[in-house]
Amino acid sequence: MLFNKTQNQIIIEKVKLAQTRHQKAKGLMFENQKNFNYALVFDFEKEVRMQASLHMMFVFFPIVVLFLNSEKKIVEIAHLKPFQLNYTPKNKIQYAIELPEEKINQVQLNDVLEWK
């Protein structure tokens, strides 16, 4: 479950962790939009910027990406389009969370999140 501690509400019930190198490289590539009913969480293990760059190659639908610092506070929100070549966060982040586009109204900058 992805939970917004600041607003005291559940954002989405299902969470998947991109933990292995393969899972991180694949991300949402070739996923069917109908099956994307979860948050995909990337943990970069420390605050980074360039290593947190994302691409949308072979992702066939738009998504929202939340970029969080080491305290799990949202420091940037990005709307990514299908086949977008690259997006690099503007600041160092430790976590990136990919969400279905319709979940954007449940978060805002500086919200603190947690997941299980």
PDB file of N, CA and C in Angstrom:
ATOM      1  N   MET A   1       0.835  -1.176   0.000  1.00  0.00           N
ATOM      2  CA  MET A   1       0.000   0.000   0.000  1.00  0.00           C
ATOM      3  C   MET A   1       0.889   1.252   0.000  1.00  0.00           C
ATOM      4  N   LEU A   2       0.532   2.210  -0.848  1.00  0.00           N
ATOM      5  CA  LEU A   2       1.211   3.506  -0.869  1.00  0.00           C
ATOM      6  C   LEU A   2       0.315   4.491  -0.132  1.00  0.00           C
ATOM      7  N   PHE A   3       0.881   5.097   0.917  1.00  0.00           N
ATOM      8  CA  PHE A   3       0.103   5.943   1.818  1.00  0.00           C
ATOM      9  C   PHE A   3       0.697   7.341   1.876  1.00  0.00           C
ATOM     10  N   ASN A   4      -0.165   8.341   1.778  1.00  0.00           N
ATOM     11  CA  ASN A   4       0.239   9.737   1.906  1.00  0.00           C
ATOM     12  C   ASN A   4       0.078  10.124   3.375  1.00  0.00           C
ATOM     13  N   LYS A   5       1.194  10.195   4.103  1.00  0.00           N
ATOM     14  CA  LYS A   5       1.152  10.521   5.537  1.00  0.00           C
ATOM     15  C   LYS A   5       0.691  11.956   5.767  1.00  0.00           C
ATOM     16  N   THR A   6       1.073  12.850   4.889  1.00  0.00           N
ATOM     17  CA  THR A   6       0.725  14.265   5.047  1.00  0.00           C
ATOM     18  C   THR A   6      -0.787  14.467   4.949  1.00  0.00           C
ATOM     19  N   GLN A   7      -1.414  13.825   3.982  1.00  0.00           N
ATOM     20  CA  GLN A   7      -2.856  13.979   3.777  1.00  0.00           C
ATOM     21  C   GLN A   7      -3.670  12.862   4.439  1.00  0.00           C
ATOM     22  N   ASN A   8      -2.960  11.912   5.076  1.00  0.00           N
ATOM     23  CA  ASN A   8      -3.601  10.808   5.779  1.00  0.00           C
ATOM     24  C   ASN A   8      -4.584  10.051   4.881  1.00  0.00           C
ATOM     25  N   GLN A   9      -4.076   9.611   3.722  1.00  0.00           N
ATOM     26  CA  GLN A   9      -4.932   8.857   2.807  1.00  0.00           C
ATOM     27  C   GLN A   9      -4.132   7.842   2.001  1.00  0.00           C
ATOM     28  N   ILE A  10      -4.812   6.791   1.613  1.00  0.00           N
ATOM     29  CA  ILE A  10      -4.214   5.772   0.751  1.00  0.00           C
ATOM     30  C   ILE A  10      -4.219   6.300  -0.682  1.00  0.00           C
ATOM     31  N   ILE A  11      -3.074   6.202  -1.333  1.00  0.00           N
ATOM     32  CA  ILE A  11      -2.975   6.623  -2.729  1.00  0.00           C
ATOM     33  C   ILE A  11      -3.347   5.460  -3.642  1.00  0.00           C
ATOM     34  N   ILE A  12      -2.771   4.281  -3.360  1.00  0.00           N
ATOM     35  CA  ILE A  12      -3.053   3.091  -4.157  1.00  0.00           C
ATOM     36  C   ILE A  12      -2.752   1.868  -3.293  1.00  0.00           C
ATOM     37  N   GLU A  13      -3.544   0.829  -3.454  1.00  0.00           N
ATOM     38  CA  GLU A  13      -3.432  -0.351  -2.588  1.00  0.00           C
ATOM     39  C   GLU A  13      -2.195  -1.200  -2.872  1.00  0.00           C
ATOM     40  N   LYS A  14      -1.875  -1.374  -4.140  1.00  0.00           N
ATOM     41  CA  LYS A  14      -0.830  -2.327  -4.523  1.00  0.00           C
ATOM     42  C   LYS A  14       0.485  -1.606  -4.823  1.00  0.00           C
ATOM     43  N   VAL A  15       1.583  -2.156  -4.292  1.00  0.00           N
ATOM     44  CA  VAL A  15       2.915  -1.601  -4.519  1.00  0.00           C
ATOM     45  C   VAL A  15       3.837  -2.724  -4.999  1.00  0.00           C
ATOM     46  N   LYS A  16       4.609  -2.438  -6.035  1.00  0.00           N
ATOM     47  CA  LYS A  16       5.653  -3.353  -6.492  1.00  0.00           C
ATOM     48  C   LYS A  16       6.983  -2.638  -6.346  1.00  0.00           C
ATOM     49  N   LEU A  17       7.999  -3.373  -5.924  1.00  0.00           N
ATOM     50  CA  LEU A  17       9.331  -2.806  -5.769  1.00  0.00           C
ATOM     51  C   LEU A  17      10.216  -3.250  -6.925  1.00  0.00           C
ATOM     52  N   ALA A  18      10.863  -2.294  -7.562  1.00  0.00           N
ATOM     53  CA  ALA A  18      11.858  -2.600  -8.589  1.00  0.00           C
ATOM     54  C   ALA A  18      13.184  -2.737  -7.846  1.00  0.00           C
ATOM     55  N   GLN A  19      13.557  -3.976  -7.518  1.00  0.00           N
ATOM     56  CA  GLN A  19      14.715  -4.198  -6.671  1.00  0.00           C
ATOM     57  C   GLN A  19      15.943  -4.684  -7.428  1.00  0.00           C
ATOM     58  N   THR A  20      15.746  -5.594  -8.361  1.00  0.00           N
ATOM     59  CA  THR A  20      16.895  -6.142  -9.080  1.00  0.00           C
ATOM     60  C   THR A  20      17.291  -5.195 -10.215  1.00  0.00           C
ATOM     61  N   ARG A  21      18.469  -5.393 -10.720  1.00  0.00           N
ATOM     62  CA  ARG A  21      18.937  -4.581 -11.850  1.00  0.00           C
ATOM     63  C   ARG A  21      17.989  -4.744 -13.043  1.00  0.00           C
ATOM     64  N   HIS A  22      17.542  -5.973 -13.272  1.00  0.00           N
ATOM     65  CA  HIS A  22      16.621  -6.247 -14.372  1.00  0.00           C
ATOM     66  C   HIS A  22      15.284  -5.528 -14.169  1.00  0.00           C
ATOM     67  N   GLN A  23      14.730  -5.608 -12.961  1.00  0.00           N
ATOM     68  CA  GLN A  23      13.456  -4.949 -12.670  1.00  0.00           C
ATOM     69  C   GLN A  23      13.568  -3.442 -12.839  1.00  0.00           C
ATOM     70  N   LYS A  24      14.686  -2.873 -12.417  1.00  0.00           N
ATOM     71  CA  LYS A  24      14.882  -1.425 -12.553  1.00  0.00           C
ATOM     72  C   LYS A  24      15.027  -1.027 -14.015  1.00  0.00           C
ATOM     73  N   ALA A  25      15.717  -1.847 -14.804  1.00  0.00           N
ATOM     74  CA  ALA A  25      15.907  -1.534 -16.225  1.00  0.00           C
ATOM     75  C   ALA A  25      14.590  -1.686 -16.995  1.00  0.00           C
ATOM     76  N   LYS A  26      13.800  -2.676 -16.652  1.00  0.00           N
ATOM     77  CA  LYS A  26      12.548  -2.940 -17.360  1.00  0.00           C
ATOM     78  C   LYS A  26      11.464  -1.937 -16.988  1.00  0.00           C
ATOM     79  N   GLY A  27      11.344  -1.630 -15.709  1.00  0.00           N
ATOM     80  CA  GLY A  27      10.308  -0.686 -15.286  1.00  0.00           C
ATOM     81  C   GLY A  27       8.945  -1.094 -15.801  1.00  0.00           C
ATOM     82  N   LEU A  28       8.300  -0.208 -16.537  1.00  0.00           N
ATOM     83  CA  LEU A  28       6.968  -0.481 -17.091  1.00  0.00           C
ATOM     84  C   LEU A  28       6.999  -0.861 -18.572  1.00  0.00           C
ATOM     85  N   MET A  29       8.168  -1.137 -19.117  1.00  0.00           N
ATOM     86  CA  MET A  29       8.242  -1.497 -20.533  1.00  0.00           C
ATOM     87  C   MET A  29       7.351  -2.702 -20.819  1.00  0.00           C
ATOM     88  N   PHE A  30       6.579  -2.578 -21.879  1.00  0.00           N
ATOM     89  CA  PHE A  30       5.697  -3.632 -22.379  1.00  0.00           C
ATOM     90  C   PHE A  30       4.528  -3.956 -21.438  1.00  0.00           C
ATOM     91  N   GLU A  31       4.330  -3.177 -20.402  1.00  0.00           N
ATOM     92  CA  GLU A  31       3.186  -3.375 -19.499  1.00  0.00           C
ATOM     93  C   GLU A  31       1.917  -2.929 -20.223  1.00  0.00           C
ATOM     94  N   ASN A  32       0.832  -3.634 -19.967  1.00  0.00           N
ATOM     95  CA  ASN A  32      -0.470  -3.255 -20.494  1.00  0.00           C
ATOM     96  C   ASN A  32      -1.079  -2.226 -19.534  1.00  0.00           C
ATOM     97  N   GLN A  33      -1.583  -1.139 -20.057  1.00  0.00           N
ATOM     98  CA  GLN A  33      -2.145  -0.082 -19.210  1.00  0.00           C
ATOM     99  C   GLN A  33      -3.256  -0.618 -18.300  1.00  0.00           C
ATOM    100  N   LYS A  34      -4.027  -1.582 -18.778  1.00  0.00           N
ATOM    101  CA  LYS A  34      -5.107  -2.158 -17.962  1.00  0.00           C
ATOM    102  C   LYS A  34      -4.563  -2.858 -16.721  1.00  0.00           C
ATOM    103  N   ASN A  35      -3.318  -3.341 -16.792  1.00  0.00           N
ATOM    104  CA  ASN A  35      -2.710  -4.046 -15.664  1.00  0.00           C
ATOM    105  C   ASN A  35      -1.929  -3.120 -14.734  1.00  0.00           C
ATOM    106  N   PHE A  36      -1.793  -1.854 -15.121  1.00  0.00           N
ATOM    107  CA  PHE A  36      -1.016  -0.915 -14.308  1.00  0.00           C
ATOM    108  C   PHE A  36      -1.913  -0.301 -13.236  1.00  0.00           C
ATOM    109  N   ASN A  37      -2.173  -1.099 -12.212  1.00  0.00           N
ATOM    110  CA  ASN A  37      -3.027  -0.676 -11.094  1.00  0.00           C
ATOM    111  C   ASN A  37      -2.226  -0.699  -9.794  1.00  0.00           C
ATOM    112  N   TYR A  38      -0.967  -0.281  -9.873  1.00  0.00           N
ATOM    113  CA  TYR A  38      -0.062  -0.336  -8.728  1.00  0.00           C
ATOM    114  C   TYR A  38       0.945   0.808  -8.804  1.00  0.00           C
ATOM    115  N   ALA A  39       1.652   0.999  -7.700  1.00  0.00           N
ATOM    116  CA  ALA A  39       2.777   1.942  -7.669  1.00  0.00           C
ATOM    117  C   ALA A  39       4.049   1.125  -7.862  1.00  0.00           C
ATOM    118  N   LEU A  40       4.926   1.574  -8.741  1.00  0.00           N
ATOM    119  CA  LEU A  40       6.212   0.923  -8.950  1.00  0.00           C
ATOM    120  C   LEU A  40       7.276   1.795  -8.289  1.00  0.00           C
ATOM    121  N   VAL A  41       7.916   1.252  -7.240  1.00  0.00           N
ATOM    122  CA  VAL A  41       8.854   2.016  -6.413  1.00  0.00           C
ATOM    123  C   VAL A  41      10.295   1.624  -6.736  1.00  0.00           C
ATOM    124  N   PHE A  42      11.102   2.635  -7.040  1.00  0.00           N
ATOM    125  CA  PHE A  42      12.534   2.461  -7.264  1.00  0.00           C
ATOM    126  C   PHE A  42      13.272   3.072  -6.071  1.00  0.00           C
ATOM    127  N   ASP A  43      14.156   2.304  -5.465  1.00  0.00           N
ATOM    128  CA  ASP A  43      14.983   2.796  -4.360  1.00  0.00           C
ATOM    129  C   ASP A  43      16.421   2.826  -4.858  1.00  0.00           C
ATOM    130  N   PHE A  44      17.000   4.017  -4.943  1.00  0.00           N
ATOM    131  CA  PHE A  44      18.364   4.161  -5.440  1.00  0.00           C
ATOM    132  C   PHE A  44      19.404   4.035  -4.328  1.00  0.00           C
ATOM    133  N   GLU A  45      18.955   3.740  -3.116  1.00  0.00           N
ATOM    134  CA  GLU A  45      19.786   3.440  -1.944  1.00  0.00           C
ATOM    135  C   GLU A  45      20.531   4.639  -1.354  1.00  0.00           C
ATOM    136  N   LYS A  46      20.633   5.715  -2.093  1.00  0.00           N
ATOM    137  CA  LYS A  46      21.176   6.973  -1.595  1.00  0.00           C
ATOM    138  C   LYS A  46      20.667   8.059  -2.529  1.00  0.00           C
ATOM    139  N   GLU A  47      20.822   9.295  -2.138  1.00  0.00           N
ATOM    140  CA  GLU A  47      20.340  10.379  -2.993  1.00  0.00           C
ATOM    141  C   GLU A  47      21.256  10.542  -4.201  1.00  0.00           C
ATOM    142  N   VAL A  48      20.642  10.481  -5.380  1.00  0.00           N
ATOM    143  CA  VAL A  48      21.362  10.584  -6.651  1.00  0.00           C
ATOM    144  C   VAL A  48      20.547  11.470  -7.591  1.00  0.00           C
ATOM    145  N   ARG A  49      21.144  11.852  -8.672  1.00  0.00           N
ATOM    146  CA  ARG A  49      20.405  12.619  -9.674  1.00  0.00           C
ATOM    147  C   ARG A  49      20.485  11.927 -11.033  1.00  0.00           C
ATOM    148  N   MET A  50      21.669  11.864 -11.613  1.00  0.00           N
ATOM    149  CA  MET A  50      21.819  11.296 -12.947  1.00  0.00           C
ATOM    150  C   MET A  50      21.434   9.812 -12.973  1.00  0.00           C
ATOM    151  N   GLN A  51      21.740   9.079 -11.913  1.00  0.00           N
ATOM    152  CA  GLN A  51      21.420   7.657 -11.854  1.00  0.00           C
ATOM    153  C   GLN A  51      19.912   7.418 -11.749  1.00  0.00           C
ATOM    154  N   ALA A  52      19.162   8.464 -11.470  1.00  0.00           N
ATOM    155  CA  ALA A  52      17.710   8.350 -11.349  1.00  0.00           C
ATOM    156  C   ALA A  52      16.988   8.730 -12.641  1.00  0.00           C
ATOM    157  N   SER A  53      17.729   8.937 -13.721  1.00  0.00           N
ATOM    158  CA  SER A  53      17.113   9.260 -15.009  1.00  0.00           C
ATOM    159  C   SER A  53      16.213   8.121 -15.463  1.00  0.00           C
ATOM    160  N   LEU A  54      15.069   8.475 -16.003  1.00  0.00           N
ATOM    161  CA  LEU A  54      14.093   7.491 -16.472  1.00  0.00           C
ATOM    162  C   LEU A  54      13.833   7.676 -17.955  1.00  0.00           C
ATOM    163  N   HIS A  55      13.400   6.619 -18.610  1.00  0.00           N
ATOM    164  CA  HIS A  55      12.960   6.711 -20.002  1.00  0.00           C
ATOM    165  C   HIS A  55      11.609   6.017 -20.113  1.00  0.00           C
ATOM    166  N   MET A  56      10.916   6.283 -21.191  1.00  0.00           N
ATOM    167  CA  MET A  56       9.595   5.694 -21.420  1.00  0.00           C
ATOM    168  C   MET A  56       9.576   4.839 -22.691  1.00  0.00           C
ATOM    169  N   MET A  57      10.736   4.346 -23.096  1.00  0.00           N
ATOM    170  CA  MET A  57      10.785   3.494 -24.279  1.00  0.00           C
ATOM    171  C   MET A  57       9.957   2.236 -24.020  1.00  0.00           C
ATOM    172  N   PHE A  58       9.090   1.931 -24.971  1.00  0.00           N
ATOM    173  CA  PHE A  58       8.207   0.761 -24.908  1.00  0.00           C
ATOM    174  C   PHE A  58       7.225   0.806 -23.733  1.00  0.00           C
ATOM    175  N   VAL A  59       6.940   2.010 -23.276  1.00  0.00           N
ATOM    176  CA  VAL A  59       5.837   2.235 -22.347  1.00  0.00           C
ATOM    177  C   VAL A  59       4.784   2.954 -23.190  1.00  0.00           C
ATOM    178  N   PHE A  60       3.603   2.369 -23.298  1.00  0.00           N
ATOM    179  CA  PHE A  60       2.618   2.790 -24.279  1.00  0.00           C
ATOM    180  C   PHE A  60       1.526   3.710 -23.733  1.00  0.00           C
ATOM    181  N   PHE A  61       1.715   4.230 -22.525  1.00  0.00           N
ATOM    182  CA  PHE A  61       0.703   5.094 -21.905  1.00  0.00           C
ATOM    183  C   PHE A  61       1.415   6.101 -20.997  1.00  0.00           C
ATOM    184  N   PRO A  62       0.797   7.262 -20.755  1.00  0.00           N
ATOM    185  CA  PRO A  62       1.414   8.270 -19.882  1.00  0.00           C
ATOM    186  C   PRO A  62       1.336   7.852 -18.419  1.00  0.00           C
ATOM    187  N   ILE A  63       2.294   8.333 -17.635  1.00  0.00           N
ATOM    188  CA  ILE A  63       2.328   8.047 -16.193  1.00  0.00           C
ATOM    189  C   ILE A  63       2.731   9.306 -15.440  1.00  0.00           C
ATOM    190  N   VAL A  64       2.609   9.229 -14.126  1.00  0.00           N
ATOM    191  CA  VAL A  64       3.104  10.262 -13.222  1.00  0.00           C
ATOM    192  C   VAL A  64       4.250   9.649 -12.435  1.00  0.00           C
ATOM    193  N   VAL A  65       5.314  10.415 -12.251  1.00  0.00           N
ATOM    194  CA  VAL A  65       6.441   9.945 -11.443  1.00  0.00           C
ATOM    195  C   VAL A  65       6.654  10.918 -10.297  1.00  0.00           C
ATOM    196  N   LEU A  66       6.686  10.358  -9.096  1.00  0.00           N
ATOM    197  CA  LEU A  66       6.975  11.139  -7.906  1.00  0.00           C
ATOM    198  C   LEU A  66       8.431  10.912  -7.550  1.00  0.00           C
ATOM    199  N   PHE A  67       9.173  11.987  -7.346  1.00  0.00           N
ATOM    200  CA  PHE A  67      10.568  11.894  -6.939  1.00  0.00           C
ATOM    201  C   PHE A  67      10.649  12.320  -5.476  1.00  0.00           C
ATOM    202  N   LEU A  68      11.215  11.450  -4.642  1.00  0.00           N
ATOM    203  CA  LEU A  68      11.263  11.677  -3.201  1.00  0.00           C
ATOM    204  C   LEU A  68      12.697  11.727  -2.707  1.00  0.00           C
ATOM    205  N   ASN A  69      12.929  12.530  -1.703  1.00  0.00           N
ATOM    206  CA  ASN A  69      14.256  12.585  -1.088  1.00  0.00           C
ATOM    207  C   ASN A  69      14.410  11.419  -0.106  1.00  0.00           C
ATOM    208  N   SER A  70      15.489  11.405   0.645  1.00  0.00           N
ATOM    209  CA  SER A  70      15.758  10.304   1.577  1.00  0.00           C
ATOM    210  C   SER A  70      14.757  10.258   2.727  1.00  0.00           C
ATOM    211  N   GLU A  71      14.040  11.340   2.960  1.00  0.00           N
ATOM    212  CA  GLU A  71      13.020  11.378   4.016  1.00  0.00           C
ATOM    213  C   GLU A  71      11.634  11.007   3.486  1.00  0.00           C
ATOM    214  N   LYS A  72      11.584  10.571   2.226  1.00  0.00           N
ATOM    215  CA  LYS A  72      10.358  10.156   1.542  1.00  0.00           C
ATOM    216  C   LYS A  72       9.384  11.309   1.330  1.00  0.00           C
ATOM    217  N   LYS A  73       9.950  12.507   1.210  1.00  0.00           N
ATOM    218  CA  LYS A  73       9.161  13.705   0.918  1.00  0.00           C
ATOM    219  C   LYS A  73       9.211  13.966  -0.585  1.00  0.00           C
ATOM    220  N   ILE A  74       8.060  14.245  -1.181  1.00  0.00           N
ATOM    221  CA  ILE A  74       7.991  14.515  -2.618  1.00  0.00           C
ATOM    222  C   ILE A  74       8.667  15.853  -2.905  1.00  0.00           C
ATOM    223  N   VAL A  75       9.715  15.815  -3.728  1.00  0.00           N
ATOM    224  CA  VAL A  75      10.439  17.031  -4.077  1.00  0.00           C
ATOM    225  C   VAL A  75      10.218  17.426  -5.540  1.00  0.00           C
ATOM    226  N   GLU A  76       9.617  16.506  -6.313  1.00  0.00           N
ATOM    227  CA  GLU A  76       9.349  16.804  -7.720  1.00  0.00           C
ATOM    228  C   GLU A  76       8.290  15.833  -8.230  1.00  0.00           C
ATOM    229  N   ILE A  77       7.443  16.320  -9.124  1.00  0.00           N
ATOM    230  CA  ILE A  77       6.420  15.497  -9.768  1.00  0.00           C
ATOM    231  C   ILE A  77       6.576  15.690 -11.269  1.00  0.00           C
ATOM    232  N   ALA A  78       6.617  14.582 -12.007  1.00  0.00           N
ATOM    233  CA  ALA A  78       6.780  14.659 -13.462  1.00  0.00           C
ATOM    234  C   ALA A  78       5.675  13.866 -14.153  1.00  0.00           C
ATOM    235  N   HIS A  79       5.203  14.400 -15.264  1.00  0.00           N
ATOM    236  CA  HIS A  79       4.247  13.718 -16.130  1.00  0.00           C
ATOM    237  C   HIS A  79       5.041  13.219 -17.333  1.00  0.00           C
ATOM    238  N   LEU A  80       5.156  11.906 -17.496  1.00  0.00           N
ATOM    239  CA  LEU A  80       5.940  11.348 -18.594  1.00  0.00           C
ATOM    240  C   LEU A  80       5.020  10.760 -19.654  1.00  0.00           C
ATOM    241  N   LYS A  81       5.409  10.961 -20.908  1.00  0.00           N
ATOM    242  CA  LYS A  81       4.615  10.523 -22.048  1.00  0.00           C
ATOM    243  C   LYS A  81       5.224   9.268 -22.665  1.00  0.00           C
ATOM    244  N   PRO A  82       4.384   8.477 -23.357  1.00  0.00           N
ATOM    245  CA  PRO A  82       4.901   7.276 -24.004  1.00  0.00           C
ATOM    246  C   PRO A  82       6.102   7.593 -24.904  1.00  0.00           C
ATOM    247  N   PHE A  83       7.108   6.741 -24.826  1.00  0.00           N
ATOM    248  CA  PHE A  83       8.317   6.799 -25.639  1.00  0.00           C
ATOM    249  C   PHE A  83       9.168   8.046 -25.397  1.00  0.00           C
ATOM    250  N   GLN A  84       8.937   8.750 -24.298  1.00  0.00           N
ATOM    251  CA  GLN A  84       9.801   9.880 -23.946  1.00  0.00           C
ATOM    252  C   GLN A  84      11.211   9.341 -23.723  1.00  0.00           C
ATOM    253  N   LEU A  85      12.186   9.967 -24.349  1.00  0.00           N
ATOM    254  CA  LEU A  85      13.548   9.426 -24.332  1.00  0.00           C
ATOM    255  C   LEU A  85      14.229   9.517 -22.982  1.00  0.00           C
ATOM    256  N   ASN A  86      14.022  10.602 -22.259  1.00  0.00           N
ATOM    257  CA  ASN A  86      14.750  10.746 -21.005  1.00  0.00           C
ATOM    258  C   ASN A  86      14.080  11.785 -20.113  1.00  0.00           C
ATOM    259  N   TYR A  87      14.115  11.512 -18.825  1.00  0.00           N
ATOM    260  CA  TYR A  87      13.745  12.521 -17.839  1.00  0.00           C
ATOM    261  C   TYR A  87      14.682  12.358 -16.658  1.00  0.00           C
ATOM    262  N   THR A  88      15.363  13.430 -16.311  1.00  0.00           N
ATOM    263  CA  THR A  88      16.276  13.437 -15.172  1.00  0.00           C
ATOM    264  C   THR A  88      15.724  14.402 -14.136  1.00  0.00           C
ATOM    265  N   PRO A  89      15.596  13.954 -12.884  1.00  0.00           N
ATOM    266  CA  PRO A  89      15.087  14.877 -11.859  1.00  0.00           C
ATOM    267  C   PRO A  89      16.002  16.092 -11.711  1.00  0.00           C
ATOM    268  N   LYS A  90      15.419  17.185 -11.302  1.00  0.00           N
ATOM    269  CA  LYS A  90      16.173  18.437 -11.177  1.00  0.00           C
ATOM    270  C   LYS A  90      17.078  18.463  -9.943  1.00  0.00           C
ATOM    271  N   ASN A  91      16.729  17.680  -8.926  1.00  0.00           N
ATOM    272  CA  ASN A  91      17.518  17.605  -7.695  1.00  0.00           C
ATOM    273  C   ASN A  91      17.847  16.151  -7.385  1.00  0.00           C
ATOM    274  N   LYS A  92      18.699  15.955  -6.411  1.00  0.00           N
ATOM    275  CA  LYS A  92      19.012  14.596  -5.979  1.00  0.00           C
ATOM    276  C   LYS A  92      17.787  13.990  -5.284  1.00  0.00           C
ATOM    277  N   ILE A  93      17.565  12.712  -5.575  1.00  0.00           N
ATOM    278  CA  ILE A  93      16.441  11.994  -4.974  1.00  0.00           C
ATOM    279  C   ILE A  93      16.904  10.590  -4.582  1.00  0.00           C
ATOM    280  N   GLN A  94      16.163   9.957  -3.705  1.00  0.00           N
ATOM    281  CA  GLN A  94      16.477   8.571  -3.358  1.00  0.00           C
ATOM    282  C   GLN A  94      15.436   7.600  -3.902  1.00  0.00           C
ATOM    283  N   TYR A  95      14.191   8.064  -4.056  1.00  0.00           N
ATOM    284  CA  TYR A  95      13.114   7.190  -4.510  1.00  0.00           C
ATOM    285  C   TYR A  95      12.392   7.816  -5.700  1.00  0.00           C
ATOM    286  N   ALA A  96      11.978   6.956  -6.624  1.00  0.00           N
ATOM    287  CA  ALA A  96      11.084   7.358  -7.708  1.00  0.00           C
ATOM    288  C   ALA A  96       9.903   6.404  -7.662  1.00  0.00           C
ATOM    289  N   ILE A  97       8.708   6.956  -7.757  1.00  0.00           N
ATOM    290  CA  ILE A  97       7.499   6.138  -7.720  1.00  0.00           C
ATOM    291  C   ILE A  97       6.683   6.430  -8.971  1.00  0.00           C
ATOM    292  N   GLU A  98       6.485   5.385  -9.771  1.00  0.00           N
ATOM    293  CA  GLU A  98       5.681   5.511 -10.979  1.00  0.00           C
ATOM    294  C   GLU A  98       4.250   5.121 -10.647  1.00  0.00           C
ATOM    295  N   LEU A  99       3.320   5.975 -11.070  1.00  0.00           N
ATOM    296  CA  LEU A  99       1.902   5.800 -10.748  1.00  0.00           C
ATOM    297  C   LEU A  99       1.036   6.000 -11.985  1.00  0.00           C
ATOM    298  N   PRO A 100      -0.176   5.389 -11.986  1.00  0.00           N
ATOM    299  CA  PRO A 100      -1.144   5.726 -13.027  1.00  0.00           C
ATOM    300  C   PRO A 100      -1.458   7.223 -12.977  1.00  0.00           C
ATOM    301  N   GLU A 101      -1.667   7.791 -14.128  1.00  0.00           N
ATOM    302  CA  GLU A 101      -1.893   9.242 -14.238  1.00  0.00           C
ATOM    303  C   GLU A 101      -3.019   9.766 -13.345  1.00  0.00           C
ATOM    304  N   GLU A 102      -4.075   8.994 -13.182  1.00  0.00           N
ATOM    305  CA  GLU A 102      -5.235   9.485 -12.424  1.00  0.00           C
ATOM    306  C   GLU A 102      -4.962   9.635 -10.931  1.00  0.00           C
ATOM    307  N   LYS A 103      -3.830   9.177 -10.445  1.00  0.00           N
ATOM    308  CA  LYS A 103      -3.501   9.288  -9.018  1.00  0.00           C
ATOM    309  C   LYS A 103      -2.866  10.638  -8.663  1.00  0.00           C
ATOM    310  N   ILE A 104      -2.639  11.485  -9.638  1.00  0.00           N
ATOM    311  CA  ILE A 104      -1.942  12.755  -9.422  1.00  0.00           C
ATOM    312  C   ILE A 104      -2.685  13.660  -8.434  1.00  0.00           C
ATOM    313  N   ASN A 105      -4.003  13.568  -8.388  1.00  0.00           N
ATOM    314  CA  ASN A 105      -4.763  14.463  -7.500  1.00  0.00           C
ATOM    315  C   ASN A 105      -4.664  14.063  -6.033  1.00  0.00           C
ATOM    316  N   GLN A 106      -3.949  12.981  -5.721  1.00  0.00           N
ATOM    317  CA  GLN A 106      -3.819  12.528  -4.335  1.00  0.00           C
ATOM    318  C   GLN A 106      -2.470  12.883  -3.718  1.00  0.00           C
ATOM    319  N   VAL A 107      -1.665  13.621  -4.460  1.00  0.00           N
ATOM    320  CA  VAL A 107      -0.334  14.002  -3.961  1.00  0.00           C
ATOM    321  C   VAL A 107      -0.023  15.436  -4.365  1.00  0.00           C
ATOM    322  N   GLN A 108       0.899  16.032  -3.600  1.00  0.00           N
ATOM    323  CA  GLN A 108       1.430  17.339  -3.975  1.00  0.00           C
ATOM    324  C   GLN A 108       2.852  17.457  -3.434  1.00  0.00           C
ATOM    325  N   LEU A 109       3.562  18.442  -3.917  1.00  0.00           N
ATOM    326  CA  LEU A 109       4.929  18.657  -3.454  1.00  0.00           C
ATOM    327  C   LEU A 109       4.964  18.747  -1.934  1.00  0.00           C
ATOM    328  N   ASN A 110       6.008  18.223  -1.350  1.00  0.00           N
ATOM    329  CA  ASN A 110       6.279  18.225   0.090  1.00  0.00           C
ATOM    330  C   ASN A 110       5.465  17.216   0.887  1.00  0.00           C
ATOM    331  N   ASP A 111       4.553  16.471   0.256  1.00  0.00           N
ATOM    332  CA  ASP A 111       3.869  15.393   0.974  1.00  0.00           C
ATOM    333  C   ASP A 111       4.897  14.320   1.324  1.00  0.00           C
ATOM    334  N   VAL A 112       4.694  13.658   2.450  1.00  0.00           N
ATOM    335  CA  VAL A 112       5.546  12.555   2.875  1.00  0.00           C
ATOM    336  C   VAL A 112       4.771  11.254   2.672  1.00  0.00           C
ATOM    337  N   LEU A 113       5.414  10.288   2.016  1.00  0.00           N
ATOM    338  CA  LEU A 113       4.773   9.028   1.709  1.00  0.00           C
ATOM    339  C   LEU A 113       5.418   7.874   2.459  1.00  0.00           C
ATOM    340  N   GLU A 114       4.691   6.765   2.535  1.00  0.00           N
ATOM    341  CA  GLU A 114       5.254   5.515   3.049  1.00  0.00           C
ATOM    342  C   GLU A 114       4.609   4.375   2.275  1.00  0.00           C
ATOM    343  N   TRP A 115       5.263   3.246   2.249  1.00  0.00           N
ATOM    344  CA  TRP A 115       4.732   2.089   1.516  1.00  0.00           C
ATOM    345  C   TRP A 115       5.116   0.802   2.228  1.00  0.00           C
ATOM    346  N   LYS A 116       4.299  -0.205   1.932  1.00  0.00           N
ATOM    347  CA  LYS A 116       4.519  -1.544   2.499  1.00  0.00           C
ATOM    348  C   LYS A 116       4.473  -2.556   1.384  1.00  0.00           C
TER     349      LYS A 116
END
